[in-house]
Amino acid sequence: MKSLIVGIVIIAAAVFAILPENIFGFGWGTYVLNFLKGGVPVVAIIIGIIAVFVGIADMKDRAEAKKEEADAGSKETQ
């Protein structure tokens, strides 16, 4: 229950900080947008790199599985 209340308070504080100054806020909205503009491409690059590594690992796993199937098939015929 405490974590729920703390979460709601943090969300309210973040919304309050983003509101314009003339509407009873800190006016950090432009800073948040600038952060998102700079952060989204960086996060996209990181996700892309992770996807490439996962793809390479998947290709290696498939090659290993085919090799094991071929070995198992040749052992059965002997």
N, C-alpha and C. Protein backbone atom coordinates (compact mmCIF):
# COMPACT_ATOMS: atom_id res chain seq x y z
N MET A 1 0.82 -1.20 0.00
CA MET A 1 0.00 0.00 0.00
C MET A 1 0.87 1.26 0.00
N LYS A 2 1.97 1.20 0.78
CA LYS A 2 2.85 2.36 0.84
C LYS A 2 3.46 2.66 -0.52
N SER A 3 3.85 1.60 -1.24
CA SER A 3 4.47 1.82 -2.55
C SER A 3 3.48 2.42 -3.54
N LEU A 4 2.21 2.05 -3.42
CA LEU A 4 1.18 2.62 -4.28
C LEU A 4 1.03 4.12 -4.02
N ILE A 5 0.99 4.49 -2.78
CA ILE A 5 0.87 5.91 -2.41
C ILE A 5 2.10 6.69 -2.86
N VAL A 6 3.29 6.12 -2.63
CA VAL A 6 4.52 6.79 -3.06
C VAL A 6 4.53 6.95 -4.57
N GLY A 7 4.10 5.93 -5.31
CA GLY A 7 4.04 6.01 -6.76
C GLY A 7 3.11 7.10 -7.24
N ILE A 8 1.94 7.19 -6.63
CA ILE A 8 0.99 8.24 -7.01
C ILE A 8 1.55 9.62 -6.71
N VAL A 9 2.22 9.78 -5.56
CA VAL A 9 2.82 11.07 -5.21
C VAL A 9 3.91 11.45 -6.21
N ILE A 10 4.73 10.48 -6.61
CA ILE A 10 5.80 10.77 -7.57
C ILE A 10 5.23 11.15 -8.93
N ILE A 11 4.20 10.45 -9.37
CA ILE A 11 3.55 10.80 -10.64
C ILE A 11 2.96 12.20 -10.57
N ALA A 12 2.30 12.53 -9.46
CA ALA A 12 1.72 13.87 -9.31
C ALA A 12 2.81 14.93 -9.31
N ALA A 13 3.94 14.67 -8.66
CA ALA A 13 5.03 15.64 -8.64
C ALA A 13 5.61 15.84 -10.04
N ALA A 14 5.70 14.75 -10.81
CA ALA A 14 6.22 14.86 -12.18
C ALA A 14 5.28 15.67 -13.05
N VAL A 15 3.99 15.42 -12.93
CA VAL A 15 3.02 16.19 -13.71
C VAL A 15 3.06 17.66 -13.29
N PHE A 16 3.16 17.91 -12.01
CA PHE A 16 3.25 19.28 -11.50
C PHE A 16 4.49 19.98 -12.08
N ALA A 17 5.61 19.27 -12.16
CA ALA A 17 6.84 19.87 -12.66
C ALA A 17 6.75 20.20 -14.15
N ILE A 18 5.97 19.42 -14.90
CA ILE A 18 5.87 19.64 -16.34
C ILE A 18 4.91 20.78 -16.67
N LEU A 19 3.96 21.07 -15.81
CA LEU A 19 2.98 22.11 -16.09
C LEU A 19 3.67 23.47 -16.29
N PRO A 20 3.08 24.31 -17.14
CA PRO A 20 3.65 25.65 -17.34
C PRO A 20 3.64 26.46 -16.04
N GLU A 21 4.55 27.42 -15.94
CA GLU A 21 4.65 28.22 -14.72
C GLU A 21 3.40 29.03 -14.44
N ASN A 22 2.74 29.51 -15.48
CA ASN A 22 1.54 30.31 -15.26
C ASN A 22 0.33 29.47 -14.85
N ILE A 23 0.45 28.15 -14.87
CA ILE A 23 -0.63 27.27 -14.43
C ILE A 23 -0.21 26.57 -13.13
N PHE A 24 0.64 27.17 -12.34
CA PHE A 24 1.00 26.61 -11.04
C PHE A 24 1.92 25.40 -11.20
N GLY A 25 2.96 25.55 -11.96
CA GLY A 25 3.92 24.46 -12.13
C GLY A 25 5.33 25.02 -12.22
N PHE A 26 6.29 24.15 -12.47
CA PHE A 26 7.68 24.57 -12.60
C PHE A 26 8.03 24.99 -14.02
N GLY A 27 7.28 24.56 -15.00
CA GLY A 27 7.55 24.91 -16.38
C GLY A 27 8.68 24.10 -16.98
N TRP A 28 8.84 22.87 -16.58
CA TRP A 28 9.92 22.03 -17.09
C TRP A 28 9.52 21.26 -18.34
N GLY A 29 8.39 21.57 -18.90
CA GLY A 29 7.90 20.83 -20.07
C GLY A 29 8.86 20.86 -21.25
N THR A 30 9.45 22.00 -21.52
CA THR A 30 10.39 22.09 -22.65
C THR A 30 11.65 21.27 -22.38
N TYR A 31 12.07 21.22 -21.13
CA TYR A 31 13.24 20.42 -20.79
C TYR A 31 12.94 18.92 -20.96
N VAL A 32 11.74 18.54 -20.58
CA VAL A 32 11.33 17.14 -20.74
C VAL A 32 11.28 16.78 -22.22
N LEU A 33 10.74 17.66 -23.05
CA LEU A 33 10.70 17.39 -24.49
C LEU A 33 12.10 17.31 -25.08
N ASN A 34 13.00 18.20 -24.65
CA ASN A 34 14.37 18.14 -25.13
C ASN A 34 15.05 16.84 -24.71
N PHE A 35 14.79 16.40 -23.48
CA PHE A 35 15.35 15.14 -23.00
C PHE A 35 14.84 13.99 -23.86
N LEU A 36 13.52 13.98 -24.15
CA LEU A 36 12.96 12.91 -24.96
C LEU A 36 13.50 12.95 -26.38
N LYS A 37 13.67 14.15 -26.93
CA LYS A 37 14.21 14.27 -28.28
C LYS A 37 15.63 13.72 -28.34
N GLY A 38 16.41 13.94 -27.31
CA GLY A 38 17.78 13.43 -27.30
C GLY A 38 17.87 11.99 -26.84
N GLY A 39 16.95 11.56 -26.01
CA GLY A 39 17.02 10.23 -25.43
C GLY A 39 16.45 9.13 -26.31
N VAL A 40 15.43 9.44 -27.08
CA VAL A 40 14.78 8.41 -27.89
C VAL A 40 15.74 7.82 -28.93
N PRO A 41 16.52 8.62 -29.66
CA PRO A 41 17.46 8.00 -30.61
C PRO A 41 18.51 7.12 -29.92
N VAL A 42 18.98 7.54 -28.75
CA VAL A 42 19.97 6.75 -28.03
C VAL A 42 19.36 5.42 -27.60
N VAL A 43 18.16 5.45 -27.08
CA VAL A 43 17.48 4.21 -26.68
C VAL A 43 17.22 3.33 -27.91
N ALA A 44 16.87 3.94 -29.04
CA ALA A 44 16.64 3.16 -30.27
C ALA A 44 17.92 2.47 -30.71
N ILE A 45 19.05 3.15 -30.61
CA ILE A 45 20.33 2.54 -30.98
C ILE A 45 20.64 1.37 -30.06
N ILE A 46 20.44 1.55 -28.77
CA ILE A 46 20.71 0.47 -27.81
C ILE A 46 19.81 -0.73 -28.09
N ILE A 47 18.53 -0.50 -28.35
CA ILE A 47 17.61 -1.59 -28.66
C ILE A 47 18.03 -2.28 -29.95
N GLY A 48 18.47 -1.50 -30.94
CA GLY A 48 18.93 -2.10 -32.19
C GLY A 48 20.15 -2.98 -32.00
N ILE A 49 21.10 -2.54 -31.18
CA ILE A 49 22.29 -3.34 -30.90
C ILE A 49 21.91 -4.63 -30.20
N ILE A 50 21.02 -4.54 -29.24
CA ILE A 50 20.57 -5.74 -28.54
C ILE A 50 19.88 -6.70 -29.51
N ALA A 51 19.06 -6.17 -30.41
CA ALA A 51 18.37 -7.01 -31.39
C ALA A 51 19.37 -7.72 -32.30
N VAL A 52 20.43 -7.03 -32.69
CA VAL A 52 21.46 -7.66 -33.54
C VAL A 52 22.13 -8.81 -32.78
N PHE A 53 22.49 -8.58 -31.52
CA PHE A 53 23.11 -9.64 -30.73
C PHE A 53 22.18 -10.83 -30.54
N VAL A 54 20.91 -10.57 -30.31
CA VAL A 54 19.94 -11.66 -30.16
C VAL A 54 19.81 -12.42 -31.47
N GLY A 55 19.79 -11.71 -32.59
CA GLY A 55 19.70 -12.36 -33.89
C GLY A 55 20.91 -13.24 -34.17
N ILE A 56 22.11 -12.75 -33.85
CA ILE A 56 23.32 -13.54 -34.04
C ILE A 56 23.28 -14.79 -33.17
N ALA A 57 22.89 -14.64 -31.92
CA ALA A 57 22.81 -15.79 -31.02
C ALA A 57 21.78 -16.80 -31.52
N ASP A 58 20.67 -16.33 -32.07
CA ASP A 58 19.65 -17.23 -32.60
C ASP A 58 20.18 -18.00 -33.81
N MET A 59 20.93 -17.32 -34.68
CA MET A 59 21.50 -17.99 -35.83
C MET A 59 22.50 -19.07 -35.39
N LYS A 60 23.30 -18.76 -34.38
CA LYS A 60 24.25 -19.74 -33.86
C LYS A 60 23.52 -20.94 -33.26
N ASP A 61 22.46 -20.68 -32.51
CA ASP A 61 21.68 -21.76 -31.91
C ASP A 61 21.06 -22.66 -32.98
N ARG A 62 20.52 -22.06 -34.04
CA ARG A 62 19.93 -22.85 -35.12
C ARG A 62 20.98 -23.71 -35.81
N ALA A 63 22.17 -23.13 -36.06
CA ALA A 63 23.24 -23.90 -36.70
C ALA A 63 23.68 -25.05 -35.80
N GLU A 64 23.77 -24.81 -34.52
CA GLU A 64 24.15 -25.86 -33.58
C GLU A 64 23.10 -26.96 -33.52
N ALA A 65 21.82 -26.56 -33.55
CA ALA A 65 20.74 -27.55 -33.51
C ALA A 65 20.76 -28.42 -34.77
N LYS A 66 21.00 -27.81 -35.94
CA LYS A 66 21.08 -28.59 -37.17
C LYS A 66 22.26 -29.55 -37.12
N LYS A 67 23.36 -29.09 -36.57
CA LYS A 67 24.55 -29.93 -36.46
C LYS A 67 24.27 -31.12 -35.53
N GLU A 68 23.60 -30.87 -34.42
CA GLU A 68 23.25 -31.95 -33.49
C GLU A 68 22.28 -32.94 -34.13
N GLU A 69 21.31 -32.43 -34.91
CA GLU A 69 20.38 -33.31 -35.60
C GLU A 69 21.11 -34.18 -36.61
N ALA A 70 22.06 -33.60 -37.32
CA ALA A 70 22.82 -34.36 -38.30
C ALA A 70 23.67 -35.42 -37.61
N ASP A 71 24.27 -35.09 -36.48
CA ASP A 71 25.07 -36.05 -35.71
C ASP A 71 24.18 -37.18 -35.18
N ALA A 72 23.00 -36.82 -34.68
CA ALA A 72 22.08 -37.82 -34.16
C ALA A 72 21.59 -38.74 -35.29
N GLY A 73 21.34 -38.18 -36.46
CA GLY A 73 20.90 -38.97 -37.61
C GLY A 73 21.97 -39.93 -38.08
N SER A 74 23.22 -39.48 -38.08
CA SER A 74 24.29 -40.37 -38.52
C SER A 74 24.57 -41.46 -37.50
N LYS A 75 24.36 -41.21 -36.23
CA LYS A 75 24.55 -42.23 -35.19
C LYS A 75 23.46 -43.29 -35.26
N GLU A 76 22.24 -42.89 -35.65
CA GLU A 76 21.14 -43.83 -35.74
C GLU A 76 21.33 -44.78 -36.91
N THR A 77 21.95 -44.33 -37.97
CA THR A 77 22.13 -45.19 -39.15
C THR A 77 23.25 -46.20 -38.94
N GLN A 78 24.10 -46.02 -37.98
CA GLN A 78 25.22 -46.95 -37.76
C GLN A 78 24.82 -48.15 -37.01
